[in-house]
């Protein structure tokens, strides 16, 4: 695991999300993560994210999406840490500033 000069937040695995076509997992994040409010207005925060890892037609990718505590995605806006080239929940969350607990 890479060493960071900044203090990482914590991402705690909650459960797998079964209604996605990928290896999707719900995590609780502390501190909350900021996402764009697609309805307009200022950005919002949430303390849950869905991390989706899949081998897509364009190659491996792992994306992070804002979510509600029940595992429903708030919107499909990719959050910081989302990346192509691997299928690692942990690496994507670390890139977003969270260490998986």
C-alpha atoms as a PDB file:
ATOM      1  CA  UNK A   1       0.000   0.000   0.000  1.00  0.00           C
ATOM      2  CA  UNK A   2       1.268   3.444  -0.876  1.00  0.00           C
ATOM      3  CA  UNK A   3       2.259   5.846   1.878  1.00  0.00           C
ATOM      4  CA  UNK A   4       0.468   9.206   1.911  1.00  0.00           C
ATOM      5  CA  UNK A   5       1.592  12.440   3.519  1.00  0.00           C
ATOM      6  CA  UNK A   6      -2.048  13.378   4.074  1.00  0.00           C
ATOM      7  CA  UNK A   7      -4.299  11.631   6.561  1.00  0.00           C
ATOM      8  CA  UNK A   8      -6.620   9.242   4.764  1.00  0.00           C
ATOM      9  CA  UNK A   9     -10.271   8.898   5.584  1.00  0.00           C
ATOM     10  CA  UNK A  10     -11.809   5.485   6.278  1.00  0.00           C
ATOM     11  CA  UNK A  11     -13.955   3.373   3.948  1.00  0.00           C
ATOM     12  CA  UNK A  12     -15.809   0.523   5.656  1.00  0.00           C
ATOM     13  CA  UNK A  13     -17.291  -2.297   3.570  1.00  0.00           C
ATOM     14  CA  UNK A  14     -21.051  -2.589   4.127  1.00  0.00           C
ATOM     15  CA  UNK A  15     -22.213  -5.203   1.592  1.00  0.00           C
ATOM     16  CA  UNK A  16     -22.157  -6.310  -2.028  1.00  0.00           C
ATOM     17  CA  UNK A  17     -24.640  -4.606  -4.333  1.00  0.00           C
ATOM     18  CA  UNK A  18     -26.279  -7.431  -6.264  1.00  0.00           C
ATOM     19  CA  UNK A  19     -28.350  -5.586  -8.866  1.00  0.00           C
ATOM     20  CA  UNK A  20     -25.340  -4.262 -10.821  1.00  0.00           C
ATOM     21  CA  UNK A  21     -23.571  -5.935 -13.774  1.00  0.00           C
ATOM     22  CA  UNK A  22     -20.227  -5.638 -12.025  1.00  0.00           C
ATOM     23  CA  UNK A  23     -18.509  -6.410  -8.748  1.00  0.00           C
ATOM     24  CA  UNK A  24     -20.251  -3.538  -6.972  1.00  0.00           C
ATOM     25  CA  UNK A  25     -19.801  -2.909  -3.265  1.00  0.00           C
ATOM     26  CA  UNK A  26     -21.314  -0.414  -0.853  1.00  0.00           C
ATOM     27  CA  UNK A  27     -18.927   1.372   1.513  1.00  0.00           C
ATOM     28  CA  UNK A  28     -19.478   3.851   4.335  1.00  0.00           C
ATOM     29  CA  UNK A  29     -16.913   6.654   4.093  1.00  0.00           C
ATOM     30  CA  UNK A  30     -15.672   8.965   6.835  1.00  0.00           C
ATOM     31  CA  UNK A  31     -15.367  11.844   6.287  1.00  0.00           C
ATOM     32  CA  UNK A  32     -18.278  12.150   3.838  1.00  0.00           C
ATOM     33  CA  UNK A  33     -17.447  12.584   0.147  1.00  0.00           C
ATOM     34  CA  UNK A  34     -18.610  15.526  -1.983  1.00  0.00           C
ATOM     35  CA  UNK A  35     -20.539  14.992  -5.208  1.00  0.00           C
ATOM     36  CA  UNK A  36     -22.096  17.276  -7.836  1.00  0.00           C
ATOM     37  CA  UNK A  37     -25.765  18.029  -7.347  1.00  0.00           C
ATOM     38  CA  UNK A  38     -27.160  17.273 -10.797  1.00  0.00           C
ATOM     39  CA  UNK A  39     -30.388  19.075  -9.907  1.00  0.00           C
ATOM     40  CA  UNK A  40     -28.488  22.339  -9.642  1.00  0.00           C
ATOM     41  CA  UNK A  41     -27.200  24.234  -6.671  1.00  0.00           C
ATOM     42  CA  UNK A  42     -24.173  23.631  -4.503  1.00  0.00           C
ATOM     43  CA  UNK A  43     -22.399  20.266  -4.318  1.00  0.00           C
ATOM     44  CA  UNK A  44     -23.663  17.852  -1.653  1.00  0.00           C
ATOM     45  CA  UNK A  45     -22.042  15.215   0.534  1.00  0.00           C
ATOM     46  CA  UNK A  46     -22.817  11.591   1.329  1.00  0.00           C
ATOM     47  CA  UNK A  47     -21.281   9.082   3.686  1.00  0.00           C
ATOM     48  CA  UNK A  48     -21.898   6.106   1.364  1.00  0.00           C
ATOM     49  CA  UNK A  49     -20.459   5.192  -2.028  1.00  0.00           C
ATOM     50  CA  UNK A  50     -20.820   2.327  -4.478  1.00  0.00           C
ATOM     51  CA  UNK A  51     -17.533   1.122  -5.943  1.00  0.00           C
ATOM     52  CA  UNK A  52     -18.029  -0.800  -9.199  1.00  0.00           C
ATOM     53  CA  UNK A  53     -15.211  -2.882 -10.688  1.00  0.00           C
ATOM     54  CA  UNK A  54     -15.687  -4.501 -14.101  1.00  0.00           C
ATOM     55  CA  UNK A  55     -13.818  -5.769 -17.137  1.00  0.00           C
ATOM     56  CA  UNK A  56     -15.647  -3.605 -19.694  1.00  0.00           C
ATOM     57  CA  UNK A  57     -15.356  -3.785 -23.474  1.00  0.00           C
ATOM     58  CA  UNK A  58     -12.868  -0.903 -23.245  1.00  0.00           C
ATOM     59  CA  UNK A  59     -10.799  -2.646 -20.554  1.00  0.00           C
ATOM     60  CA  UNK A  60     -10.741  -2.853 -16.760  1.00  0.00           C
ATOM     61  CA  UNK A  61     -12.287   0.006 -14.808  1.00  0.00           C
ATOM     62  CA  UNK A  62     -13.267   0.823 -11.244  1.00  0.00           C
ATOM     63  CA  UNK A  63     -15.669   3.695 -10.655  1.00  0.00           C
ATOM     64  CA  UNK A  64     -16.979   5.294  -7.481  1.00  0.00           C
ATOM     65  CA  UNK A  65     -20.527   6.681  -7.311  1.00  0.00           C
ATOM     66  CA  UNK A  66     -22.374   8.579  -4.567  1.00  0.00           C
ATOM     67  CA  UNK A  67     -24.914   6.378  -2.810  1.00  0.00           C
ATOM     68  CA  UNK A  68     -27.556   6.267  -0.128  1.00  0.00           C
ATOM     69  CA  UNK A  69     -27.201   4.029   2.934  1.00  0.00           C
ATOM     70  CA  UNK A  70     -29.601   1.482   1.383  1.00  0.00           C
ATOM     71  CA  UNK A  71     -27.238   0.941  -1.581  1.00  0.00           C
ATOM     72  CA  UNK A  72     -29.125   3.024  -4.147  1.00  0.00           C
ATOM     73  CA  UNK A  73     -26.929   5.217  -6.339  1.00  0.00           C
ATOM     74  CA  UNK A  74     -27.697   8.923  -5.945  1.00  0.00           C
ATOM     75  CA  UNK A  75     -26.488   9.606  -9.487  1.00  0.00           C
ATOM     76  CA  UNK A  76     -24.038   8.112 -11.967  1.00  0.00           C
ATOM     77  CA  UNK A  77     -21.492  10.913 -11.731  1.00  0.00           C
ATOM     78  CA  UNK A  78     -18.056   9.342 -11.323  1.00  0.00           C
ATOM     79  CA  UNK A  79     -16.306  10.556  -8.192  1.00  0.00           C
ATOM     80  CA  UNK A  80     -12.636  11.323  -7.632  1.00  0.00           C
ATOM     81  CA  UNK A  81     -10.668   8.082  -7.418  1.00  0.00           C
ATOM     82  CA  UNK A  82     -12.552   6.468 -10.304  1.00  0.00           C
ATOM     83  CA  UNK A  83     -10.063   4.954 -12.726  1.00  0.00           C
ATOM     84  CA  UNK A  84      -9.456   2.813 -15.769  1.00  0.00           C
ATOM     85  CA  UNK A  85      -6.771   0.166 -16.002  1.00  0.00           C
ATOM     86  CA  UNK A  86      -7.566  -1.957 -12.962  1.00  0.00           C
ATOM     87  CA  UNK A  87     -10.398  -3.587 -11.053  1.00  0.00           C
ATOM     88  CA  UNK A  88      -9.441  -2.766  -7.475  1.00  0.00           C
ATOM     89  CA  UNK A  89     -11.962  -1.348  -5.021  1.00  0.00           C
ATOM     90  CA  UNK A  90      -9.149  -0.616  -2.568  1.00  0.00           C
ATOM     91  CA  UNK A  91      -6.981   1.282  -5.077  1.00  0.00           C
ATOM     92  CA  UNK A  92      -9.898   3.420  -6.258  1.00  0.00           C
ATOM     93  CA  UNK A  93     -10.891   4.278  -2.690  1.00  0.00           C
ATOM     94  CA  UNK A  94      -7.288   5.074  -1.801  1.00  0.00           C
ATOM     95  CA  UNK A  95      -7.061   7.365  -4.849  1.00  0.00           C
ATOM     96  CA  UNK A  96     -10.190   9.099  -3.517  1.00  0.00           C
ATOM     97  CA  UNK A  97      -8.492   9.603  -0.138  1.00  0.00           C
ATOM     98  CA  UNK A  98      -9.816   6.654   1.858  1.00  0.00           C
ATOM     99  CA  UNK A  99      -8.205   3.619   3.427  1.00  0.00           C
ATOM    100  CA  UNK A 100     -10.328   0.462   3.515  1.00  0.00           C
ATOM    101  CA  UNK A 101     -10.836  -0.600   7.114  1.00  0.00           C
END
